[in-house]
Amino acid sequence: MPVTPPPAEDRTIAPGLPELPVTWRATRTRAVLLPVAALLVVMFAAMATALPENWHFYDRAALVVMGLLFAAALVMLSRPRVTADGDGVTVVNFVRTRRLAWAEIVRVNLRQGDPWAILDLADGTSLATVGIQPAAGRAQAVAAARTLRDLAEARTAAHS
C-alpha cells in the first residue's frame, strides 16, 4: 500500500522553514565512528585468529567479544540525532531517546562554549540535544539550532 505524504500544512508552517520531517546529526562524527567500529571488529577478529596455537578457544573468543564491545561503544557514540516533525521533536542521545511535543519546548539555546544545543522545557527542566553539536561544525550547529528554534516558535504559535 503506498504511503501518502502528510498535508502541506503539516510539512512546513512558515516560509523559510524546512519541510518536515527534518533531522540533524553530527555527520562527520558518525562518518568517522562507524568505519572505525567496523575496523575494530575486523582487527580483533584477525588478532584472535593470529594468536599462537597454545592460546585457548576462550581466550580467542574473549578477544572477539572485546572488539565487539568497543565497536558497540562507538556505535552508541554515533547515535545522537534530533528529528523534528509535525507533532514535535525526537531527541536521540547516546543512550536515551525522548519525544517532545512542540508545546513542551520553551527555548532552544546554543551559547558560545556549549558542547551541544540545549532545550529549555515547559516543566522547568533542560534537555541536551547531542545531535546538534558545534564540535562537528560551529556554523552548521548554529544554523540547526536557529532552525529548530524557529520551528518551535512557529509550531507553538500555530497551535496556541
N, C-alpha and C. Protein backbone atom coordinates (compact mmCIF):
# COMPACT_ATOMS: atom_id res chain seq x y z
N MET A 1 0.84 -1.17 0.00
CA MET A 1 0.00 0.00 0.00
C MET A 1 0.90 1.24 0.00
N PRO A 2 0.68 2.20 -0.92
CA PRO A 2 1.53 3.38 -0.99
C PRO A 2 1.30 4.29 0.22
N VAL A 3 2.38 4.94 0.64
CA VAL A 3 2.31 5.87 1.75
C VAL A 3 2.04 7.25 1.20
N THR A 4 1.01 7.90 1.71
CA THR A 4 0.70 9.25 1.25
C THR A 4 1.42 10.24 2.14
N PRO A 5 2.00 11.27 1.55
CA PRO A 5 2.70 12.27 2.36
C PRO A 5 1.70 13.06 3.18
N PRO A 6 2.15 13.63 4.31
CA PRO A 6 1.25 14.44 5.11
C PRO A 6 0.83 15.68 4.33
N PRO A 7 -0.30 16.28 4.71
CA PRO A 7 -0.72 17.51 4.05
C PRO A 7 0.37 18.57 4.15
N ALA A 8 0.37 19.48 3.19
CA ALA A 8 1.42 20.51 3.13
C ALA A 8 1.51 21.31 4.42
N GLU A 9 0.38 21.57 5.08
CA GLU A 9 0.43 22.37 6.30
C GLU A 9 1.12 21.63 7.44
N ASP A 10 1.23 20.29 7.36
CA ASP A 10 1.94 19.53 8.37
C ASP A 10 3.44 19.48 8.09
N ARG A 11 3.83 19.71 6.85
CA ARG A 11 5.24 19.60 6.48
C ARG A 11 5.99 20.89 6.71
N THR A 12 5.36 22.01 6.51
CA THR A 12 6.02 23.30 6.76
C THR A 12 4.97 24.27 7.28
N ILE A 13 5.36 25.13 8.19
CA ILE A 13 4.40 26.01 8.85
C ILE A 13 4.61 27.47 8.47
N ALA A 14 5.81 27.82 8.02
CA ALA A 14 6.10 29.21 7.69
C ALA A 14 7.12 29.25 6.56
N PRO A 15 7.06 30.31 5.76
CA PRO A 15 8.06 30.44 4.69
C PRO A 15 9.47 30.52 5.28
N GLY A 16 10.40 29.92 4.59
CA GLY A 16 11.79 29.94 5.05
C GLY A 16 12.15 28.79 5.97
N LEU A 17 11.16 28.08 6.46
CA LEU A 17 11.43 26.93 7.32
C LEU A 17 11.45 25.66 6.48
N PRO A 18 12.23 24.69 6.88
CA PRO A 18 12.34 23.46 6.07
C PRO A 18 11.07 22.63 6.13
N GLU A 19 10.89 21.80 5.12
CA GLU A 19 9.79 20.84 5.13
C GLU A 19 10.06 19.80 6.19
N LEU A 20 9.01 19.41 6.89
CA LEU A 20 9.15 18.40 7.93
C LEU A 20 8.85 17.03 7.36
N PRO A 21 9.45 15.99 7.86
CA PRO A 21 10.41 15.95 8.95
C PRO A 21 11.81 16.37 8.51
N VAL A 22 12.57 16.86 9.47
CA VAL A 22 13.96 17.23 9.23
C VAL A 22 14.80 16.64 10.37
N THR A 23 15.98 16.14 10.03
CA THR A 23 16.85 15.51 11.02
C THR A 23 18.21 16.18 11.01
N TRP A 24 18.72 16.43 12.22
CA TRP A 24 20.07 16.97 12.38
C TRP A 24 20.90 15.94 13.13
N ARG A 25 22.13 15.76 12.69
CA ARG A 25 23.08 14.88 13.39
C ARG A 25 24.49 15.30 13.03
N ALA A 26 25.43 14.90 13.85
CA ALA A 26 26.84 15.20 13.60
C ALA A 26 27.36 14.19 12.57
N THR A 27 27.20 14.52 11.30
CA THR A 27 27.50 13.55 10.24
C THR A 27 28.99 13.23 10.14
N ARG A 28 29.85 14.21 10.38
CA ARG A 28 31.29 13.92 10.31
C ARG A 28 31.71 12.96 11.41
N THR A 29 31.19 13.18 12.59
CA THR A 29 31.50 12.29 13.71
C THR A 29 31.05 10.88 13.39
N ARG A 30 29.85 10.77 12.87
CA ARG A 30 29.29 9.46 12.51
C ARG A 30 30.10 8.81 11.39
N ALA A 31 30.54 9.62 10.43
CA ALA A 31 31.32 9.10 9.30
C ALA A 31 32.68 8.56 9.75
N VAL A 32 33.17 9.03 10.88
CA VAL A 32 34.43 8.51 11.41
C VAL A 32 34.17 7.31 12.32
N LEU A 33 33.20 7.43 13.22
CA LEU A 33 32.99 6.39 14.23
C LEU A 33 32.53 5.05 13.66
N LEU A 34 31.63 5.06 12.70
CA LEU A 34 31.11 3.79 12.19
C LEU A 34 32.16 2.96 11.45
N PRO A 35 32.95 3.56 10.55
CA PRO A 35 34.02 2.75 9.94
C PRO A 35 35.08 2.28 10.95
N VAL A 36 35.38 3.13 11.94
CA VAL A 36 36.35 2.71 12.97
C VAL A 36 35.79 1.53 13.76
N ALA A 37 34.49 1.54 14.05
CA ALA A 37 33.86 0.42 14.76
C ALA A 37 33.98 -0.86 13.95
N ALA A 38 33.71 -0.78 12.66
CA ALA A 38 33.84 -1.96 11.80
C ALA A 38 35.29 -2.44 11.74
N LEU A 39 36.22 -1.49 11.66
CA LEU A 39 37.64 -1.84 11.62
C LEU A 39 38.08 -2.52 12.92
N LEU A 40 37.56 -2.06 14.05
CA LEU A 40 37.88 -2.69 15.33
C LEU A 40 37.46 -4.15 15.36
N VAL A 41 36.25 -4.43 14.88
CA VAL A 41 35.76 -5.81 14.86
C VAL A 41 36.67 -6.67 14.00
N VAL A 42 37.02 -6.17 12.83
CA VAL A 42 37.90 -6.93 11.92
C VAL A 42 39.27 -7.13 12.55
N MET A 43 39.83 -6.08 13.16
CA MET A 43 41.16 -6.19 13.76
C MET A 43 41.18 -7.19 14.93
N PHE A 44 40.19 -7.11 15.80
CA PHE A 44 40.16 -8.02 16.94
C PHE A 44 39.93 -9.46 16.48
N ALA A 45 39.10 -9.65 15.47
CA ALA A 45 38.89 -11.00 14.92
C ALA A 45 40.18 -11.52 14.29
N ALA A 46 40.91 -10.66 13.59
CA ALA A 46 42.17 -11.07 12.98
C ALA A 46 43.21 -11.41 14.05
N MET A 47 43.25 -10.61 15.11
CA MET A 47 44.18 -10.91 16.20
C MET A 47 43.83 -12.25 16.85
N ALA A 48 42.54 -12.52 17.01
CA ALA A 48 42.12 -13.77 17.63
C ALA A 48 42.54 -14.97 16.79
N THR A 49 42.51 -14.83 15.49
CA THR A 49 42.91 -15.95 14.63
C THR A 49 44.42 -16.06 14.50
N ALA A 50 45.14 -14.97 14.74
CA ALA A 50 46.59 -14.97 14.59
C ALA A 50 47.33 -15.34 15.88
N LEU A 51 46.59 -15.58 16.95
CA LEU A 51 47.23 -15.93 18.22
C LEU A 51 47.97 -17.26 18.10
N PRO A 52 49.00 -17.45 18.91
CA PRO A 52 49.72 -18.73 18.87
C PRO A 52 48.80 -19.91 19.21
N GLU A 53 49.20 -21.08 18.81
CA GLU A 53 48.39 -22.29 19.00
C GLU A 53 48.11 -22.60 20.46
N ASN A 54 49.00 -22.18 21.37
CA ASN A 54 48.80 -22.53 22.77
C ASN A 54 47.73 -21.67 23.46
N TRP A 55 47.16 -20.70 22.76
CA TRP A 55 46.05 -19.93 23.31
C TRP A 55 44.77 -20.75 23.16
N HIS A 56 43.93 -20.68 24.19
CA HIS A 56 42.69 -21.47 24.20
C HIS A 56 41.59 -20.77 23.41
N PHE A 57 40.55 -21.55 23.11
CA PHE A 57 39.37 -21.02 22.40
C PHE A 57 38.77 -19.85 23.16
N TYR A 58 38.67 -19.96 24.50
CA TYR A 58 38.04 -18.91 25.29
C TYR A 58 38.85 -17.61 25.24
N ASP A 59 40.15 -17.71 25.15
CA ASP A 59 40.98 -16.51 25.00
C ASP A 59 40.68 -15.81 23.68
N ARG A 60 40.57 -16.61 22.65
CA ARG A 60 40.26 -16.05 21.32
C ARG A 60 38.86 -15.44 21.31
N ALA A 61 37.91 -16.15 21.90
CA ALA A 61 36.53 -15.65 21.95
C ALA A 61 36.46 -14.35 22.76
N ALA A 62 37.21 -14.28 23.86
CA ALA A 62 37.23 -13.06 24.67
C ALA A 62 37.77 -11.88 23.87
N LEU A 63 38.75 -12.13 23.05
CA LEU A 63 39.31 -11.07 22.21
C LEU A 63 38.28 -10.56 21.21
N VAL A 64 37.54 -11.46 20.59
CA VAL A 64 36.50 -11.06 19.64
C VAL A 64 35.40 -10.29 20.38
N VAL A 65 35.00 -10.77 21.56
CA VAL A 65 33.96 -10.08 22.35
C VAL A 65 34.43 -8.68 22.73
N MET A 66 35.70 -8.53 23.10
CA MET A 66 36.22 -7.19 23.42
C MET A 66 36.11 -6.26 22.21
N GLY A 67 36.45 -6.76 21.04
CA GLY A 67 36.31 -5.96 19.83
C GLY A 67 34.87 -5.55 19.58
N LEU A 68 33.95 -6.49 19.81
CA LEU A 68 32.53 -6.18 19.63
C LEU A 68 32.06 -5.15 20.65
N LEU A 69 32.54 -5.23 21.89
CA LEU A 69 32.15 -4.25 22.91
C LEU A 69 32.69 -2.86 22.58
N PHE A 70 33.94 -2.78 22.14
CA PHE A 70 34.49 -1.48 21.74
C PHE A 70 33.71 -0.91 20.56
N ALA A 71 33.38 -1.75 19.61
CA ALA A 71 32.60 -1.30 18.44
C ALA A 71 31.22 -0.84 18.87
N ALA A 72 30.58 -1.56 19.80
CA ALA A 72 29.26 -1.17 20.29
C ALA A 72 29.31 0.20 20.96
N ALA A 73 30.38 0.47 21.70
CA ALA A 73 30.53 1.78 22.33
C ALA A 73 30.63 2.88 21.28
N LEU A 74 31.37 2.64 20.21
CA LEU A 74 31.49 3.64 19.14
C LEU A 74 30.16 3.84 18.42
N VAL A 75 29.42 2.76 18.23
CA VAL A 75 28.10 2.88 17.59
C VAL A 75 27.18 3.71 18.48
N MET A 76 27.23 3.51 19.80
CA MET A 76 26.42 4.32 20.71
C MET A 76 26.79 5.79 20.62
N LEU A 77 28.08 6.08 20.47
CA LEU A 77 28.52 7.47 20.36
C LEU A 77 28.07 8.10 19.04
N SER A 78 27.73 7.28 18.05
CA SER A 78 27.30 7.82 16.76
C SER A 78 25.78 7.97 16.67
N ARG A 79 25.03 7.56 17.69
CA ARG A 79 23.57 7.60 17.66
C ARG A 79 22.92 8.98 17.67
N PRO A 80 23.46 9.98 18.37
CA PRO A 80 22.72 11.22 18.60
C PRO A 80 22.18 11.87 17.33
N ARG A 81 20.91 12.26 17.43
CA ARG A 81 20.25 13.00 16.35
C ARG A 81 19.04 13.71 16.93
N VAL A 82 18.57 14.69 16.20
CA VAL A 82 17.36 15.43 16.56
C VAL A 82 16.48 15.42 15.32
N THR A 83 15.24 14.94 15.46
CA THR A 83 14.31 14.89 14.34
C THR A 83 13.07 15.69 14.70
N ALA A 84 12.74 16.67 13.86
CA ALA A 84 11.54 17.47 14.04
C ALA A 84 10.51 17.04 13.00
N ASP A 85 9.28 16.85 13.46
CA ASP A 85 8.18 16.53 12.54
C ASP A 85 6.96 17.36 12.94
N GLY A 86 5.84 17.09 12.32
CA GLY A 86 4.65 17.89 12.56
C GLY A 86 4.14 17.86 13.99
N ASP A 87 4.42 16.78 14.71
CA ASP A 87 3.90 16.63 16.07
C ASP A 87 4.87 17.08 17.15
N GLY A 88 6.15 17.16 16.84
CA GLY A 88 7.12 17.54 17.85
C GLY A 88 8.53 17.18 17.45
N VAL A 89 9.34 16.91 18.47
CA VAL A 89 10.76 16.67 18.28
C VAL A 89 11.15 15.37 18.98
N THR A 90 11.95 14.56 18.30
CA THR A 90 12.52 13.36 18.91
C THR A 90 14.01 13.61 19.09
N VAL A 91 14.47 13.51 20.34
CA VAL A 91 15.88 13.71 20.66
C VAL A 91 16.48 12.35 21.02
N VAL A 92 17.42 11.90 20.20
CA VAL A 92 18.12 10.64 20.45
C VAL A 92 19.52 11.00 20.91
N ASN A 93 19.83 10.72 22.18
CA ASN A 93 21.18 10.96 22.69
C ASN A 93 21.91 9.62 22.77
N PHE A 94 23.00 9.55 23.49
CA PHE A 94 23.82 8.34 23.48
C PHE A 94 23.04 7.09 23.89
N VAL A 95 22.29 7.19 24.96
CA VAL A 95 21.59 6.02 25.48
C VAL A 95 20.07 6.20 25.43
N ARG A 96 19.60 7.39 25.69
CA ARG A 96 18.17 7.64 25.87
C ARG A 96 17.57 8.37 24.68
N THR A 97 16.30 8.05 24.41
CA THR A 97 15.52 8.74 23.38
C THR A 97 14.34 9.41 24.06
N ARG A 98 14.08 10.65 23.70
CA ARG A 98 12.95 11.36 24.31
C ARG A 98 12.13 12.04 23.23
N ARG A 99 10.82 11.91 23.33
CA ARG A 99 9.87 12.52 22.39
C ARG A 99 9.23 13.71 23.08
N LEU A 100 9.26 14.87 22.41
CA LEU A 100 8.69 16.10 22.96
C LEU A 100 7.64 16.66 22.01
N ALA A 101 6.54 17.12 22.55
CA ALA A 101 5.57 17.88 21.76
C ALA A 101 6.12 19.29 21.60
N TRP A 102 5.71 19.97 20.54
CA TRP A 102 6.22 21.33 20.30
C TRP A 102 5.93 22.24 21.49
N ALA A 103 4.78 22.09 22.12
CA ALA A 103 4.41 22.95 23.24
C ALA A 103 5.33 22.79 24.45
N GLU A 104 6.04 21.67 24.54
CA GLU A 104 6.95 21.44 25.67
C GLU A 104 8.25 22.23 25.54
N ILE A 105 8.58 22.69 24.34
CA ILE A 105 9.85 23.38 24.11
C ILE A 105 9.64 24.88 24.30
N VAL A 106 10.30 25.42 25.32
CA VAL A 106 10.19 26.85 25.62
C VAL A 106 11.25 27.64 24.86
N ARG A 107 12.49 27.08 24.81
CA ARG A 107 13.59 27.80 24.19
C ARG A 107 14.65 26.81 23.71
N VAL A 108 15.34 27.20 22.65
CA VAL A 108 16.48 26.43 22.13
C VAL A 108 17.72 27.29 22.33
N ASN A 109 18.69 26.77 23.08
CA ASN A 109 19.91 27.52 23.39
C ASN A 109 21.14 26.84 22.81
N LEU A 110 22.00 27.63 22.22
CA LEU A 110 23.33 27.18 21.82
C LEU A 110 24.26 28.37 22.01
N ARG A 111 24.77 28.49 23.24
CA ARG A 111 25.64 29.61 23.57
C ARG A 111 27.09 29.28 23.23
N GLN A 112 27.90 30.31 23.13
CA GLN A 112 29.34 30.14 22.89
C GLN A 112 29.91 29.23 23.97
N GLY A 113 30.61 28.19 23.56
CA GLY A 113 31.22 27.27 24.51
C GLY A 113 30.37 26.08 24.90
N ASP A 114 29.08 26.10 24.57
CA ASP A 114 28.22 24.95 24.87
C ASP A 114 28.64 23.76 24.01
N PRO A 115 28.67 22.55 24.59
CA PRO A 115 29.05 21.38 23.80
C PRO A 115 27.97 20.94 22.82
N TRP A 116 26.71 21.32 23.08
CA TRP A 116 25.60 20.99 22.20
C TRP A 116 24.42 21.89 22.53
N ALA A 117 23.43 21.87 21.67
CA ALA A 117 22.24 22.70 21.89
C ALA A 117 21.46 22.14 23.08
N ILE A 118 20.81 23.05 23.80
CA ILE A 118 20.03 22.65 24.98
C ILE A 118 18.62 23.18 24.82
N LEU A 119 17.65 22.32 25.08
CA LEU A 119 16.25 22.71 25.03
C LEU A 119 15.78 23.01 26.45
N ASP A 120 15.23 24.21 26.66
CA ASP A 120 14.57 24.52 27.92
C ASP A 120 13.12 24.09 27.76
N LEU A 121 12.64 23.30 28.71
CA LEU A 121 11.31 22.70 28.59
C LEU A 121 10.31 23.37 29.51
N ALA A 122 9.04 23.21 29.19
CA ALA A 122 7.96 23.85 29.92
C ALA A 122 7.90 23.41 31.38
N ASP A 123 8.38 22.22 31.70
CA ASP A 123 8.34 21.74 33.09
C ASP A 123 9.51 22.26 33.92
N GLY A 124 10.33 23.16 33.36
CA GLY A 124 11.44 23.76 34.08
C GLY A 124 12.75 23.02 33.95
N THR A 125 12.76 21.90 33.27
CA THR A 125 13.99 21.13 33.07
C THR A 125 14.63 21.50 31.74
N SER A 126 15.82 20.98 31.53
CA SER A 126 16.53 21.18 30.27
C SER A 126 16.88 19.82 29.69
N LEU A 127 17.03 19.79 28.37
CA LEU A 127 17.39 18.55 27.69
C LEU A 127 18.50 18.85 26.69
N ALA A 128 19.62 18.15 26.83
CA ALA A 128 20.72 18.29 25.89
C ALA A 128 20.35 17.60 24.58
N THR A 129 20.69 18.23 23.47
CA THR A 129 20.47 17.63 22.16
C THR A 129 21.84 17.40 21.54
N VAL A 130 22.42 16.25 21.83
CA VAL A 130 23.79 15.95 21.41
C VAL A 130 23.90 15.89 19.89
N GLY A 131 22.79 15.71 19.20
CA GLY A 131 22.81 15.67 17.74
C GLY A 131 23.14 17.00 17.10
N ILE A 132 23.01 18.09 17.85
CA ILE A 132 23.37 19.43 17.35
C ILE A 132 24.55 19.89 18.18
N GLN A 133 25.77 19.68 17.66
CA GLN A 133 26.97 19.99 18.42
C GLN A 133 27.98 20.78 17.59
N PRO A 134 28.49 21.88 18.15
CA PRO A 134 29.46 22.69 17.44
C PRO A 134 30.76 21.96 17.12
N ALA A 135 31.10 20.92 17.86
CA ALA A 135 32.34 20.19 17.59
C ALA A 135 32.35 19.61 16.18
N ALA A 136 31.18 19.35 15.64
CA ALA A 136 31.08 18.79 14.28
C ALA A 136 30.98 19.88 13.22
N GLY A 137 31.06 21.14 13.64
CA GLY A 137 30.97 22.27 12.72
C GLY A 137 30.14 23.37 13.34
N ARG A 138 30.78 24.45 13.78
CA ARG A 138 30.09 25.51 14.51
C ARG A 138 28.98 26.15 13.68
N ALA A 139 29.26 26.51 12.44
CA ALA A 139 28.25 27.18 11.61
C ALA A 139 27.05 26.27 11.36
N GLN A 140 27.31 25.00 11.12
CA GLN A 140 26.23 24.04 10.90
C GLN A 140 25.38 23.89 12.17
N ALA A 141 26.02 23.84 13.34
CA ALA A 141 25.29 23.69 14.60
C ALA A 141 24.45 24.93 14.89
N VAL A 142 25.01 26.11 14.65
CA VAL A 142 24.26 27.35 14.89
C VAL A 142 23.05 27.42 13.96
N ALA A 143 23.23 27.07 12.70
CA ALA A 143 22.11 27.08 11.75
C ALA A 143 21.04 26.07 12.17
N ALA A 144 21.46 24.89 12.61
CA ALA A 144 20.49 23.88 13.05
C ALA A 144 19.73 24.34 14.28
N ALA A 145 20.43 24.94 15.25
CA ALA A 145 19.77 25.43 16.46
C ALA A 145 18.79 26.55 16.13
N ARG A 146 19.18 27.45 15.24
CA ARG A 146 18.26 28.53 14.84
C ARG A 146 17.03 27.98 14.13
N THR A 147 17.23 27.02 13.25
CA THR A 147 16.09 26.42 12.54
C THR A 147 15.17 25.72 13.52
N LEU A 148 15.74 24.97 14.45
CA LEU A 148 14.91 24.29 15.46
C LEU A 148 14.16 25.31 16.32
N ARG A 149 14.84 26.40 16.68
CA ARG A 149 14.18 27.46 17.45
C ARG A 149 13.02 28.06 16.66
N ASP A 150 13.27 28.38 15.39
CA ASP A 150 12.22 28.97 14.55
C ASP A 150 11.05 28.01 14.37
N LEU A 151 11.34 26.72 14.19
CA LEU A 151 10.27 25.73 14.07
C LEU A 151 9.46 25.64 15.35
N ALA A 152 10.15 25.64 16.49
CA ALA A 152 9.45 25.56 17.78
C ALA A 152 8.56 26.78 17.98
N GLU A 153 9.08 27.96 17.66
CA GLU A 153 8.28 29.18 17.82
C GLU A 153 7.09 29.17 16.88
N ALA A 154 7.30 28.78 15.62
CA ALA A 154 6.21 28.76 14.64
C ALA A 154 5.16 27.71 15.01
N ARG A 155 5.59 26.54 15.42
CA ARG A 155 4.65 25.46 15.78
C ARG A 155 3.87 25.81 17.04
N THR A 156 4.54 26.40 18.02
CA THR A 156 3.86 26.77 19.26
C THR A 156 2.84 27.87 18.98
N ALA A 157 3.22 28.86 18.15
CA ALA A 157 2.30 29.95 17.81
C ALA A 157 1.11 29.43 17.01
N ALA A 158 1.34 28.46 16.13
CA ALA A 158 0.27 27.93 15.29
C ALA A 158 -0.75 27.14 16.10
N HIS A 159 -0.31 26.54 17.21
CA HIS A 159 -1.21 25.71 18.00
C HIS A 159 -1.75 26.42 19.23
N SER A 160 -1.44 27.74 19.39
CA SER A 160 -1.98 28.45 20.56
C SER A 160 -3.22 29.23 20.23
